[in-house]
Amino acid sequence: MKRIDLGEVPYLDAIEDMRTWVEQRQNGLIEDRLVLLTHPPVITYGARTPPAELPKHGDIPVIPVDRGGQATYHGPGQLIGYLIIDLNRRGPGDIVRWLENVLIAALDSLGFTMIRRDTPPGGQSLVGVWTPDHRKIGSIGMRIRRGVTSHGFALNITSDLTVYDSFTACGLPDVPMTSLAELTDDVPSEEQVRNAVWKHLTPTDACLGG
């Protein structure tokens, strides 16, 4: 797997690049890759998001996307990871659970204890990364086309959490969002978080869902 580090990239530009990477991966022209970046403020939402869960007003762009999941926020202070992985060449696996475990291990290495949660039958999706007291710090939304993944995760480091008051994040109206900065005064740098995610992703990326 190849790691690509970018700075702040406008969301629509990144999505267009991602479509190109997916097509290239489907045709065997590039290897699997993890793209790490940030976005200017934007709220995105999947096709199943009820209109009532979106902001009623505000200056932040609201953009529909082709990934799974409900509405979420991207902005400064948040690490975004896009995964372009050919699952046909790796065999079947639970890509979402694998990614949850990677992020939990990465944050544990930085001194933060996190958990994953199982979605109850018929209940709202609890996919993502959570504090033990059930505050959400990491969101995951992915799509698989012709066996190749796209989109990925968003991890709050020093994000502006007040933005989440303007809409229903992840379809969970009663769930507080949090960030590493809200949990500690000794906040790791974005570079430290990037390196931790990469370190814990690469040794296990051949056994998704393990």
N, C-alpha and C. Protein backbone atom coordinates (compact mmCIF):
# COMPACT_ATOMS: atom_id res chain seq x y z
N MET A 1 0.85 -1.20 0.00
CA MET A 1 0.00 0.00 0.00
C MET A 1 0.88 1.24 0.00
N LYS A 2 0.46 2.25 -0.75
CA LYS A 2 1.21 3.50 -0.84
C LYS A 2 0.54 4.57 0.00
N ARG A 3 1.34 5.34 0.72
CA ARG A 3 0.84 6.46 1.51
C ARG A 3 1.05 7.75 0.72
N ILE A 4 -0.01 8.57 0.64
CA ILE A 4 0.07 9.87 -0.02
C ILE A 4 -0.38 10.93 0.98
N ASP A 5 0.49 11.86 1.29
CA ASP A 5 0.17 12.94 2.23
C ASP A 5 -0.10 14.23 1.46
N LEU A 6 -1.27 14.79 1.68
CA LEU A 6 -1.65 16.07 1.09
C LEU A 6 -1.99 17.04 2.20
N GLY A 7 -2.07 18.32 1.88
CA GLY A 7 -2.51 19.33 2.83
C GLY A 7 -4.01 19.52 2.75
N GLU A 8 -4.43 20.78 2.77
CA GLU A 8 -5.86 21.08 2.67
C GLU A 8 -6.27 21.09 1.20
N VAL A 9 -7.25 20.26 0.87
CA VAL A 9 -7.72 20.12 -0.51
C VAL A 9 -9.22 20.38 -0.53
N PRO A 10 -9.72 21.24 -1.41
CA PRO A 10 -11.18 21.42 -1.52
C PRO A 10 -11.88 20.08 -1.73
N TYR A 11 -13.02 19.90 -1.08
CA TYR A 11 -13.67 18.60 -1.07
C TYR A 11 -13.98 18.09 -2.48
N LEU A 12 -14.56 18.93 -3.31
CA LEU A 12 -14.95 18.47 -4.65
C LEU A 12 -13.73 18.11 -5.50
N ASP A 13 -12.62 18.81 -5.30
CA ASP A 13 -11.39 18.45 -6.01
C ASP A 13 -10.91 17.07 -5.58
N ALA A 14 -10.98 16.81 -4.27
CA ALA A 14 -10.53 15.51 -3.76
C ALA A 14 -11.42 14.38 -4.27
N ILE A 15 -12.72 14.62 -4.33
CA ILE A 15 -13.64 13.59 -4.81
C ILE A 15 -13.36 13.27 -6.28
N GLU A 16 -13.08 14.29 -7.08
CA GLU A 16 -12.76 14.06 -8.49
C GLU A 16 -11.47 13.25 -8.62
N ASP A 17 -10.47 13.58 -7.80
CA ASP A 17 -9.23 12.80 -7.81
C ASP A 17 -9.49 11.36 -7.40
N MET A 18 -10.35 11.19 -6.39
CA MET A 18 -10.63 9.85 -5.89
C MET A 18 -11.30 8.99 -6.96
N ARG A 19 -12.20 9.57 -7.74
CA ARG A 19 -12.83 8.82 -8.83
C ARG A 19 -11.77 8.31 -9.81
N THR A 20 -10.79 9.17 -10.08
CA THR A 20 -9.71 8.77 -10.99
C THR A 20 -8.90 7.64 -10.39
N TRP A 21 -8.55 7.74 -9.10
CA TRP A 21 -7.76 6.69 -8.44
C TRP A 21 -8.51 5.36 -8.45
N VAL A 22 -9.82 5.40 -8.19
CA VAL A 22 -10.61 4.17 -8.18
C VAL A 22 -10.58 3.51 -9.55
N GLU A 23 -10.77 4.30 -10.59
CA GLU A 23 -10.74 3.75 -11.94
C GLU A 23 -9.36 3.17 -12.27
N GLN A 24 -8.32 3.87 -11.85
CA GLN A 24 -6.96 3.38 -12.09
C GLN A 24 -6.72 2.07 -11.34
N ARG A 25 -7.23 1.99 -10.10
CA ARG A 25 -7.04 0.76 -9.31
C ARG A 25 -7.84 -0.38 -9.92
N GLN A 26 -9.05 -0.10 -10.38
CA GLN A 26 -9.86 -1.14 -11.01
C GLN A 26 -9.16 -1.72 -12.24
N ASN A 27 -8.38 -0.90 -12.92
CA ASN A 27 -7.68 -1.33 -14.13
C ASN A 27 -6.23 -1.76 -13.86
N GLY A 28 -5.87 -1.87 -12.58
CA GLY A 28 -4.54 -2.35 -12.22
C GLY A 28 -3.41 -1.39 -12.55
N LEU A 29 -3.72 -0.10 -12.67
CA LEU A 29 -2.69 0.88 -13.05
C LEU A 29 -1.95 1.47 -11.86
N ILE A 30 -2.54 1.37 -10.68
CA ILE A 30 -1.88 1.86 -9.45
C ILE A 30 -2.05 0.80 -8.37
N GLU A 31 -1.26 0.91 -7.31
CA GLU A 31 -1.38 0.02 -6.16
C GLU A 31 -2.38 0.59 -5.17
N ASP A 32 -2.74 -0.21 -4.16
CA ASP A 32 -3.59 0.28 -3.09
C ASP A 32 -2.95 1.53 -2.48
N ARG A 33 -3.80 2.45 -2.00
CA ARG A 33 -3.23 3.67 -1.44
C ARG A 33 -4.10 4.22 -0.30
N LEU A 34 -3.42 4.86 0.63
CA LEU A 34 -4.07 5.65 1.68
C LEU A 34 -3.70 7.10 1.43
N VAL A 35 -4.71 7.93 1.25
CA VAL A 35 -4.49 9.36 1.01
C VAL A 35 -4.92 10.11 2.27
N LEU A 36 -3.99 10.84 2.88
CA LEU A 36 -4.25 11.59 4.10
C LEU A 36 -4.27 13.08 3.78
N LEU A 37 -5.32 13.78 4.23
CA LEU A 37 -5.50 15.18 3.88
C LEU A 37 -6.47 15.84 4.82
N THR A 38 -6.74 17.11 4.59
CA THR A 38 -7.78 17.85 5.30
C THR A 38 -8.62 18.59 4.27
N HIS A 39 -9.78 19.08 4.71
CA HIS A 39 -10.66 19.84 3.82
C HIS A 39 -11.02 21.18 4.46
N PRO A 40 -11.31 22.19 3.64
CA PRO A 40 -12.00 23.37 4.15
C PRO A 40 -13.37 22.94 4.67
N PRO A 41 -14.04 23.77 5.49
CA PRO A 41 -15.32 23.37 6.08
C PRO A 41 -16.35 22.95 5.03
N VAL A 42 -16.95 21.78 5.24
CA VAL A 42 -17.99 21.26 4.36
C VAL A 42 -18.79 20.22 5.11
N ILE A 43 -20.08 20.15 4.84
CA ILE A 43 -20.94 19.10 5.38
C ILE A 43 -21.36 18.22 4.21
N THR A 44 -21.15 16.93 4.34
CA THR A 44 -21.51 15.99 3.28
C THR A 44 -22.56 15.01 3.81
N TYR A 45 -23.32 14.43 2.88
CA TYR A 45 -24.36 13.50 3.31
C TYR A 45 -24.63 12.45 2.25
N GLY A 46 -24.95 11.23 2.71
CA GLY A 46 -25.28 10.13 1.83
C GLY A 46 -26.72 10.19 1.37
N ALA A 47 -27.06 9.31 0.42
CA ALA A 47 -28.37 9.36 -0.24
C ALA A 47 -29.53 9.10 0.72
N ARG A 48 -29.29 8.38 1.81
CA ARG A 48 -30.37 8.01 2.72
C ARG A 48 -30.56 9.03 3.86
N THR A 49 -29.87 10.14 3.80
CA THR A 49 -29.98 11.14 4.87
C THR A 49 -31.30 11.90 4.76
N PRO A 50 -32.14 11.88 5.79
CA PRO A 50 -33.39 12.66 5.75
C PRO A 50 -33.08 14.16 5.71
N PRO A 51 -33.85 14.93 4.93
CA PRO A 51 -33.61 16.38 4.86
C PRO A 51 -33.64 17.06 6.22
N ALA A 52 -34.42 16.54 7.16
CA ALA A 52 -34.52 17.16 8.47
C ALA A 52 -33.21 17.10 9.25
N GLU A 53 -32.29 16.21 8.84
CA GLU A 53 -31.02 16.08 9.55
C GLU A 53 -29.95 17.03 9.02
N LEU A 54 -30.25 17.77 7.96
CA LEU A 54 -29.28 18.69 7.37
C LEU A 54 -29.45 20.10 7.94
N PRO A 55 -28.42 20.94 7.84
CA PRO A 55 -28.53 22.30 8.37
C PRO A 55 -29.64 23.09 7.68
N LYS A 56 -30.31 23.92 8.44
CA LYS A 56 -31.36 24.76 7.88
C LYS A 56 -30.78 26.04 7.29
N HIS A 57 -29.62 26.46 7.78
CA HIS A 57 -28.99 27.69 7.30
C HIS A 57 -27.51 27.62 7.70
N GLY A 58 -26.75 28.59 7.22
CA GLY A 58 -25.33 28.63 7.55
C GLY A 58 -24.48 28.85 6.31
N ASP A 59 -23.22 29.14 6.53
CA ASP A 59 -22.30 29.46 5.44
C ASP A 59 -21.49 28.26 4.95
N ILE A 60 -21.61 27.12 5.62
CA ILE A 60 -20.82 25.95 5.23
C ILE A 60 -21.51 25.22 4.08
N PRO A 61 -20.79 24.93 2.99
CA PRO A 61 -21.41 24.18 1.88
C PRO A 61 -21.93 22.82 2.34
N VAL A 62 -23.05 22.40 1.76
CA VAL A 62 -23.66 21.10 2.05
C VAL A 62 -23.71 20.33 0.73
N ILE A 63 -23.03 19.17 0.68
CA ILE A 63 -22.80 18.47 -0.58
C ILE A 63 -23.23 17.01 -0.48
N PRO A 64 -24.06 16.52 -1.42
CA PRO A 64 -24.39 15.09 -1.45
C PRO A 64 -23.21 14.28 -1.98
N VAL A 65 -23.06 13.05 -1.45
CA VAL A 65 -21.94 12.20 -1.85
C VAL A 65 -22.43 10.78 -2.12
N ASP A 66 -21.56 9.96 -2.73
CA ASP A 66 -21.94 8.60 -3.13
C ASP A 66 -21.41 7.54 -2.17
N ARG A 67 -21.14 7.90 -0.93
CA ARG A 67 -20.65 6.94 0.05
C ARG A 67 -21.79 6.48 0.94
N GLY A 68 -21.49 5.48 1.78
CA GLY A 68 -22.43 5.09 2.81
C GLY A 68 -22.40 6.10 3.95
N GLY A 69 -23.37 5.99 4.82
CA GLY A 69 -23.39 6.86 6.00
C GLY A 69 -24.28 8.06 5.82
N GLN A 70 -24.48 8.78 6.91
CA GLN A 70 -25.36 9.94 6.93
C GLN A 70 -24.54 11.22 6.83
N ALA A 71 -25.08 12.30 7.35
CA ALA A 71 -24.41 13.59 7.26
C ALA A 71 -23.22 13.66 8.20
N THR A 72 -22.14 14.30 7.75
CA THR A 72 -20.98 14.51 8.60
C THR A 72 -20.28 15.80 8.20
N TYR A 73 -19.38 16.23 9.05
CA TYR A 73 -18.65 17.49 8.83
C TYR A 73 -17.19 17.20 8.57
N HIS A 74 -16.61 17.94 7.62
CA HIS A 74 -15.16 17.95 7.41
C HIS A 74 -14.68 19.39 7.53
N GLY A 75 -13.51 19.55 8.14
CA GLY A 75 -12.98 20.90 8.27
C GLY A 75 -11.60 20.91 8.89
N PRO A 76 -11.04 22.10 9.08
CA PRO A 76 -9.71 22.23 9.69
C PRO A 76 -9.65 21.53 11.05
N GLY A 77 -8.50 20.96 11.36
CA GLY A 77 -8.33 20.26 12.63
C GLY A 77 -8.81 18.83 12.59
N GLN A 78 -9.18 18.36 11.41
CA GLN A 78 -9.68 16.99 11.26
C GLN A 78 -8.81 16.26 10.22
N LEU A 79 -8.43 15.04 10.54
CA LEU A 79 -7.67 14.23 9.59
C LEU A 79 -8.62 13.37 8.78
N ILE A 80 -8.51 13.48 7.46
CA ILE A 80 -9.29 12.67 6.55
C ILE A 80 -8.39 11.61 5.93
N GLY A 81 -8.89 10.38 5.85
CA GLY A 81 -8.16 9.32 5.19
C GLY A 81 -9.02 8.66 4.13
N TYR A 82 -8.58 8.71 2.87
CA TYR A 82 -9.28 8.03 1.79
C TYR A 82 -8.51 6.77 1.43
N LEU A 83 -9.23 5.65 1.37
CA LEU A 83 -8.63 4.35 1.11
C LEU A 83 -9.08 3.82 -0.24
N ILE A 84 -8.12 3.58 -1.11
CA ILE A 84 -8.37 2.99 -2.41
C ILE A 84 -7.76 1.60 -2.38
N ILE A 85 -8.58 0.58 -2.10
CA ILE A 85 -8.10 -0.79 -1.88
C ILE A 85 -8.86 -1.75 -2.80
N ASP A 86 -8.12 -2.60 -3.48
CA ASP A 86 -8.73 -3.61 -4.33
C ASP A 86 -9.03 -4.85 -3.50
N LEU A 87 -10.28 -5.02 -3.11
CA LEU A 87 -10.66 -6.16 -2.28
C LEU A 87 -10.65 -7.46 -3.08
N ASN A 88 -10.74 -7.38 -4.40
CA ASN A 88 -10.69 -8.60 -5.22
C ASN A 88 -9.34 -9.29 -5.07
N ARG A 89 -8.29 -8.52 -4.89
CA ARG A 89 -6.96 -9.09 -4.78
C ARG A 89 -6.61 -9.48 -3.35
N ARG A 90 -7.41 -9.03 -2.39
CA ARG A 90 -7.11 -9.30 -0.98
C ARG A 90 -8.03 -10.35 -0.38
N GLY A 91 -9.09 -10.68 -1.06
CA GLY A 91 -10.03 -11.62 -0.50
C GLY A 91 -11.09 -10.89 0.32
N PRO A 92 -12.16 -11.58 0.68
CA PRO A 92 -13.26 -10.94 1.40
C PRO A 92 -12.83 -10.53 2.80
N GLY A 93 -13.46 -9.49 3.29
CA GLY A 93 -13.18 -9.04 4.64
C GLY A 93 -14.09 -7.89 5.00
N ASP A 94 -14.24 -7.63 6.28
CA ASP A 94 -15.08 -6.53 6.75
C ASP A 94 -14.22 -5.28 6.80
N ILE A 95 -14.23 -4.50 5.74
CA ILE A 95 -13.37 -3.34 5.62
C ILE A 95 -13.67 -2.29 6.70
N VAL A 96 -14.94 -2.15 7.08
CA VAL A 96 -15.30 -1.14 8.06
C VAL A 96 -14.79 -1.53 9.45
N ARG A 97 -15.01 -2.77 9.85
CA ARG A 97 -14.53 -3.20 11.16
C ARG A 97 -13.01 -3.14 11.22
N TRP A 98 -12.37 -3.55 10.15
CA TRP A 98 -10.90 -3.47 10.09
C TRP A 98 -10.43 -2.04 10.28
N LEU A 99 -11.08 -1.08 9.62
CA LEU A 99 -10.67 0.31 9.73
C LEU A 99 -10.94 0.85 11.13
N GLU A 100 -12.06 0.45 11.73
CA GLU A 100 -12.31 0.84 13.12
C GLU A 100 -11.17 0.38 14.01
N ASN A 101 -10.75 -0.88 13.86
CA ASN A 101 -9.69 -1.43 14.71
C ASN A 101 -8.35 -0.75 14.46
N VAL A 102 -8.07 -0.38 13.20
CA VAL A 102 -6.84 0.34 12.89
C VAL A 102 -6.82 1.68 13.62
N LEU A 103 -7.91 2.43 13.55
CA LEU A 103 -7.96 3.74 14.18
C LEU A 103 -7.89 3.63 15.70
N ILE A 104 -8.54 2.63 16.26
CA ILE A 104 -8.49 2.42 17.71
C ILE A 104 -7.07 2.13 18.15
N ALA A 105 -6.37 1.26 17.42
CA ALA A 105 -4.98 0.94 17.75
C ALA A 105 -4.08 2.15 17.61
N ALA A 106 -4.30 2.95 16.56
CA ALA A 106 -3.49 4.15 16.35
C ALA A 106 -3.66 5.14 17.50
N LEU A 107 -4.90 5.37 17.91
CA LEU A 107 -5.14 6.31 19.01
C LEU A 107 -4.64 5.75 20.34
N ASP A 108 -4.74 4.44 20.53
CA ASP A 108 -4.20 3.82 21.74
C ASP A 108 -2.69 4.06 21.85
N SER A 109 -2.00 4.01 20.72
CA SER A 109 -0.55 4.22 20.73
C SER A 109 -0.20 5.66 21.10
N LEU A 110 -1.17 6.57 20.95
CA LEU A 110 -0.96 7.97 21.32
C LEU A 110 -1.50 8.29 22.71
N GLY A 111 -1.99 7.26 23.42
CA GLY A 111 -2.44 7.44 24.79
C GLY A 111 -3.93 7.63 24.97
N PHE A 112 -4.72 7.32 23.94
CA PHE A 112 -6.18 7.50 24.00
C PHE A 112 -6.87 6.14 23.89
N THR A 113 -7.67 5.81 24.89
CA THR A 113 -8.42 4.56 24.86
C THR A 113 -9.74 4.78 24.14
N MET A 114 -9.96 4.02 23.07
CA MET A 114 -11.18 4.13 22.27
C MET A 114 -11.80 2.75 22.11
N ILE A 115 -13.06 2.73 21.67
CA ILE A 115 -13.78 1.48 21.47
C ILE A 115 -14.55 1.53 20.15
N ARG A 116 -14.97 0.36 19.68
CA ARG A 116 -15.95 0.27 18.60
C ARG A 116 -17.26 -0.20 19.23
N ARG A 117 -18.37 0.04 18.55
CA ARG A 117 -19.67 -0.35 19.08
C ARG A 117 -20.44 -1.13 18.02
N ASP A 118 -21.17 -2.13 18.46
CA ASP A 118 -22.00 -2.91 17.56
C ASP A 118 -23.35 -2.23 17.39
N THR A 119 -23.84 -2.21 16.17
CA THR A 119 -25.14 -1.61 15.89
C THR A 119 -26.24 -2.57 16.33
N PRO A 120 -27.18 -2.14 17.16
CA PRO A 120 -28.26 -3.03 17.59
C PRO A 120 -29.19 -3.34 16.43
N PRO A 121 -29.83 -4.51 16.46
CA PRO A 121 -30.77 -4.86 15.39
C PRO A 121 -31.84 -3.80 15.22
N GLY A 122 -31.97 -3.30 14.00
CA GLY A 122 -32.98 -2.30 13.72
C GLY A 122 -32.65 -0.90 14.21
N GLY A 123 -31.47 -0.73 14.79
CA GLY A 123 -31.11 0.57 15.35
C GLY A 123 -30.26 1.39 14.39
N GLN A 124 -29.95 2.61 14.81
CA GLN A 124 -29.09 3.49 14.03
C GLN A 124 -27.67 2.93 14.01
N SER A 125 -26.98 3.13 12.90
CA SER A 125 -25.61 2.63 12.76
C SER A 125 -24.68 3.28 13.77
N LEU A 126 -23.90 2.44 14.44
CA LEU A 126 -22.90 2.91 15.39
C LEU A 126 -21.48 2.70 14.86
N VAL A 127 -21.35 2.63 13.54
CA VAL A 127 -20.03 2.52 12.91
C VAL A 127 -19.19 3.74 13.28
N GLY A 128 -17.91 3.49 13.56
CA GLY A 128 -17.01 4.59 13.87
C GLY A 128 -16.14 4.28 15.07
N VAL A 129 -15.53 5.32 15.61
CA VAL A 129 -14.63 5.19 16.76
C VAL A 129 -15.19 6.05 17.89
N TRP A 130 -15.22 5.46 19.08
CA TRP A 130 -15.92 6.07 20.21
C TRP A 130 -15.03 6.10 21.45
N THR A 131 -15.29 7.08 22.32
CA THR A 131 -14.71 7.05 23.66
C THR A 131 -15.48 6.04 24.49
N PRO A 132 -14.90 5.56 25.60
CA PRO A 132 -15.64 4.60 26.43
C PRO A 132 -16.96 5.14 26.97
N ASP A 133 -17.09 6.47 27.08
CA ASP A 133 -18.37 7.03 27.54
C ASP A 133 -19.27 7.42 26.37
N HIS A 134 -18.98 6.86 25.20
CA HIS A 134 -19.86 6.92 24.03
C HIS A 134 -19.97 8.31 23.41
N ARG A 135 -18.85 9.03 23.37
CA ARG A 135 -18.73 10.20 22.51
C ARG A 135 -18.01 9.76 21.24
N LYS A 136 -18.45 10.30 20.12
CA LYS A 136 -17.90 9.85 18.84
C LYS A 136 -16.76 10.77 18.39
N ILE A 137 -15.63 10.16 18.05
CA ILE A 137 -14.46 10.93 17.64
C ILE A 137 -14.04 10.64 16.21
N GLY A 138 -14.46 9.50 15.68
CA GLY A 138 -14.08 9.12 14.32
C GLY A 138 -15.26 8.58 13.54
N SER A 139 -15.45 9.08 12.33
CA SER A 139 -16.55 8.63 11.47
C SER A 139 -15.99 7.87 10.28
N ILE A 140 -16.74 6.88 9.81
CA ILE A 140 -16.33 6.06 8.67
C ILE A 140 -17.49 5.97 7.68
N GLY A 141 -17.20 6.21 6.44
CA GLY A 141 -18.19 6.05 5.37
C GLY A 141 -17.46 5.62 4.11
N MET A 142 -17.84 4.50 3.53
CA MET A 142 -17.11 3.96 2.39
C MET A 142 -18.05 3.51 1.29
N ARG A 143 -17.48 3.30 0.11
CA ARG A 143 -18.21 2.73 -1.00
C ARG A 143 -17.30 1.71 -1.69
N ILE A 144 -17.91 0.66 -2.22
CA ILE A 144 -17.16 -0.34 -2.97
C ILE A 144 -17.76 -0.43 -4.37
N ARG A 145 -16.93 -0.20 -5.38
CA ARG A 145 -17.35 -0.29 -6.78
C ARG A 145 -16.39 -1.23 -7.50
N ARG A 146 -16.97 -2.28 -8.11
CA ARG A 146 -16.17 -3.29 -8.81
C ARG A 146 -15.01 -3.77 -7.94
N GLY A 147 -15.30 -3.95 -6.65
CA GLY A 147 -14.33 -4.51 -5.74
C GLY A 147 -13.30 -3.55 -5.19
N VAL A 148 -13.39 -2.26 -5.53
CA VAL A 148 -12.42 -1.27 -5.07
C VAL A 148 -13.10 -0.27 -4.14
N THR A 149 -12.49 -0.04 -3.01
CA THR A 149 -13.05 0.88 -2.02
C THR A 149 -12.74 2.33 -2.36
N SER A 150 -13.58 3.21 -1.84
CA SER A 150 -13.31 4.65 -1.90
C SER A 150 -13.87 5.30 -0.64
N HIS A 151 -13.61 6.59 -0.47
CA HIS A 151 -13.92 7.33 0.75
C HIS A 151 -13.13 6.70 1.91
N GLY A 152 -13.57 6.88 3.15
CA GLY A 152 -12.76 6.37 4.25
C GLY A 152 -13.19 6.89 5.60
N PHE A 153 -12.29 7.63 6.28
CA PHE A 153 -12.57 8.03 7.66
C PHE A 153 -12.29 9.52 7.87
N ALA A 154 -12.90 10.04 8.94
CA ALA A 154 -12.64 11.41 9.42
C ALA A 154 -12.41 11.33 10.92
N LEU A 155 -11.28 11.86 11.36
CA LEU A 155 -10.89 11.78 12.77
C LEU A 155 -10.69 13.18 13.32
N ASN A 156 -11.42 13.51 14.37
CA ASN A 156 -11.36 14.85 14.94
C ASN A 156 -10.14 15.01 15.86
N ILE A 157 -9.26 15.93 15.50
CA ILE A 157 -8.09 16.23 16.32
C ILE A 157 -8.33 17.53 17.09
N THR A 158 -8.45 18.64 16.37
CA THR A 158 -8.76 19.94 16.99
C THR A 158 -9.95 20.58 16.30
N SER A 159 -10.87 19.77 15.83
CA SER A 159 -12.02 20.26 15.06
C SER A 159 -12.88 21.23 15.87
N ASP A 160 -13.54 22.13 15.16
CA ASP A 160 -14.54 23.01 15.76
C ASP A 160 -15.82 22.20 15.98
N LEU A 161 -16.06 21.80 17.21
CA LEU A 161 -17.18 20.92 17.51
C LEU A 161 -18.53 21.66 17.49
N THR A 162 -18.52 22.98 17.52
CA THR A 162 -19.79 23.71 17.52
C THR A 162 -20.54 23.53 16.20
N VAL A 163 -19.82 23.18 15.13
CA VAL A 163 -20.48 22.98 13.83
C VAL A 163 -21.51 21.87 13.93
N TYR A 164 -21.25 20.86 14.76
CA TYR A 164 -22.16 19.72 14.86
C TYR A 164 -23.50 20.10 15.47
N ASP A 165 -23.59 21.29 16.07
CA ASP A 165 -24.87 21.73 16.62
C ASP A 165 -25.86 22.12 15.53
N SER A 166 -25.38 22.31 14.30
CA SER A 166 -26.24 22.81 13.21
C SER A 166 -26.91 21.71 12.42
N PHE A 167 -26.56 20.44 12.66
CA PHE A 167 -27.16 19.34 11.91
C PHE A 167 -27.05 18.06 12.73
N THR A 168 -27.66 16.99 12.25
CA THR A 168 -27.60 15.70 12.94
C THR A 168 -26.46 14.88 12.35
N ALA A 169 -25.41 14.73 13.12
CA ALA A 169 -24.23 14.01 12.63
C ALA A 169 -24.47 12.50 12.66
N CYS A 170 -24.20 11.85 11.55
CA CYS A 170 -24.23 10.38 11.46
C CYS A 170 -25.60 9.78 11.77
N GLY A 171 -26.65 10.58 11.66
CA GLY A 171 -27.99 10.09 11.95
C GLY A 171 -28.24 9.82 13.41
N LEU A 172 -27.42 10.41 14.30
CA LEU A 172 -27.50 10.14 15.74
C LEU A 172 -27.74 11.44 16.50
N PRO A 173 -28.99 11.85 16.67
CA PRO A 173 -29.30 13.17 17.24
C PRO A 173 -28.86 13.36 18.68
N ASP A 174 -28.73 12.29 19.44
CA ASP A 174 -28.41 12.43 20.86
C ASP A 174 -26.96 12.08 21.19
N VAL A 175 -26.12 11.95 20.16
CA VAL A 175 -24.74 11.54 20.37
C VAL A 175 -23.81 12.74 20.29
N PRO A 176 -23.04 13.02 21.36
CA PRO A 176 -22.09 14.13 21.29
C PRO A 176 -20.85 13.73 20.50
N MET A 177 -20.38 14.64 19.66
CA MET A 177 -19.12 14.47 18.97
C MET A 177 -18.00 15.05 19.85
N THR A 178 -16.81 14.49 19.71
CA THR A 178 -15.69 14.98 20.50
C THR A 178 -14.44 15.04 19.62
N SER A 179 -13.33 15.46 20.22
CA SER A 179 -12.05 15.58 19.52
C SER A 179 -10.94 15.27 20.50
N LEU A 180 -9.75 15.02 19.99
CA LEU A 180 -8.61 14.80 20.88
C LEU A 180 -8.36 16.04 21.74
N ALA A 181 -8.57 17.22 21.16
CA ALA A 181 -8.33 18.46 21.92
C ALA A 181 -9.30 18.61 23.08
N GLU A 182 -10.50 18.02 22.95
CA GLU A 182 -11.46 18.09 24.05
C GLU A 182 -11.11 17.10 25.15
N LEU A 183 -10.33 16.08 24.81
CA LEU A 183 -10.00 15.04 25.77
C LEU A 183 -8.73 15.30 26.55
N THR A 184 -7.86 16.17 26.03
CA THR A 184 -6.57 16.39 26.68
C THR A 184 -6.01 17.75 26.32
N ASP A 185 -5.16 18.28 27.21
CA ASP A 185 -4.44 19.52 26.90
C ASP A 185 -3.18 19.23 26.10
N ASP A 186 -2.74 17.98 26.13
CA ASP A 186 -1.52 17.59 25.43
C ASP A 186 -1.91 16.92 24.10
N VAL A 187 -2.34 17.74 23.16
CA VAL A 187 -2.89 17.22 21.91
C VAL A 187 -1.75 16.82 20.97
N PRO A 188 -1.78 15.60 20.45
CA PRO A 188 -0.77 15.22 19.46
C PRO A 188 -0.92 16.04 18.19
N SER A 189 0.18 16.22 17.49
CA SER A 189 0.12 16.97 16.24
C SER A 189 -0.58 16.14 15.17
N GLU A 190 -1.02 16.81 14.12
CA GLU A 190 -1.63 16.09 13.01
C GLU A 190 -0.64 15.09 12.42
N GLU A 191 0.63 15.48 12.35
CA GLU A 191 1.64 14.58 11.80
C GLU A 191 1.78 13.32 12.65
N GLN A 192 1.72 13.47 13.96
CA GLN A 192 1.78 12.30 14.85
C GLN A 192 0.59 11.37 14.60
N VAL A 193 -0.59 11.95 14.41
CA VAL A 193 -1.77 11.13 14.17
C VAL A 193 -1.67 10.44 12.81
N ARG A 194 -1.21 11.17 11.80
CA ARG A 194 -1.02 10.55 10.48
C ARG A 194 -0.08 9.36 10.57
N ASN A 195 1.04 9.55 11.25
CA ASN A 195 2.02 8.47 11.34
C ASN A 195 1.49 7.28 12.12
N ALA A 196 0.71 7.55 13.17
CA ALA A 196 0.15 6.45 13.97
C ALA A 196 -0.84 5.63 13.14
N VAL A 197 -1.68 6.32 12.37
CA VAL A 197 -2.64 5.60 11.52
C VAL A 197 -1.90 4.74 10.50
N TRP A 198 -0.91 5.30 9.87
CA TRP A 198 -0.14 4.56 8.87
C TRP A 198 0.57 3.36 9.48
N LYS A 199 1.16 3.55 10.64
CA LYS A 199 1.88 2.46 11.30
C LYS A 199 0.97 1.29 11.60
N HIS A 200 -0.24 1.56 12.05
CA HIS A 200 -1.14 0.48 12.44
C HIS A 200 -1.97 -0.05 11.28
N LEU A 201 -2.00 0.66 10.19
CA LEU A 201 -2.70 0.17 9.01
C LEU A 201 -1.84 -0.81 8.22
N THR A 202 -0.59 -0.49 8.04
CA THR A 202 0.23 -1.28 7.12
C THR A 202 0.54 -2.70 7.57
N PRO A 203 0.77 -3.00 8.85
CA PRO A 203 1.08 -4.40 9.18
C PRO A 203 -0.11 -5.35 8.99
N THR A 204 -1.33 -4.80 9.01
CA THR A 204 -2.52 -5.67 8.98
C THR A 204 -3.34 -5.53 7.71
N ASP A 205 -2.84 -4.72 6.75
CA ASP A 205 -3.72 -4.44 5.63
C ASP A 205 -3.91 -5.61 4.70
N ALA A 206 -3.18 -6.69 4.92
CA ALA A 206 -3.35 -7.88 4.08
C ALA A 206 -4.41 -8.83 4.60
N CYS A 207 -4.96 -8.52 5.78
CA CYS A 207 -5.96 -9.43 6.37
C CYS A 207 -7.14 -8.61 6.86
N LEU A 208 -7.84 -7.99 5.95
CA LEU A 208 -8.98 -7.16 6.32
C LEU A 208 -10.00 -7.96 7.10
N GLY A 209 -10.51 -7.31 8.14
CA GLY A 209 -11.51 -7.95 8.95
C GLY A 209 -10.91 -8.86 10.02
N GLY A 210 -9.58 -8.98 10.08
CA GLY A 210 -8.96 -9.84 11.05
C GLY A 210 -8.83 -9.21 12.40
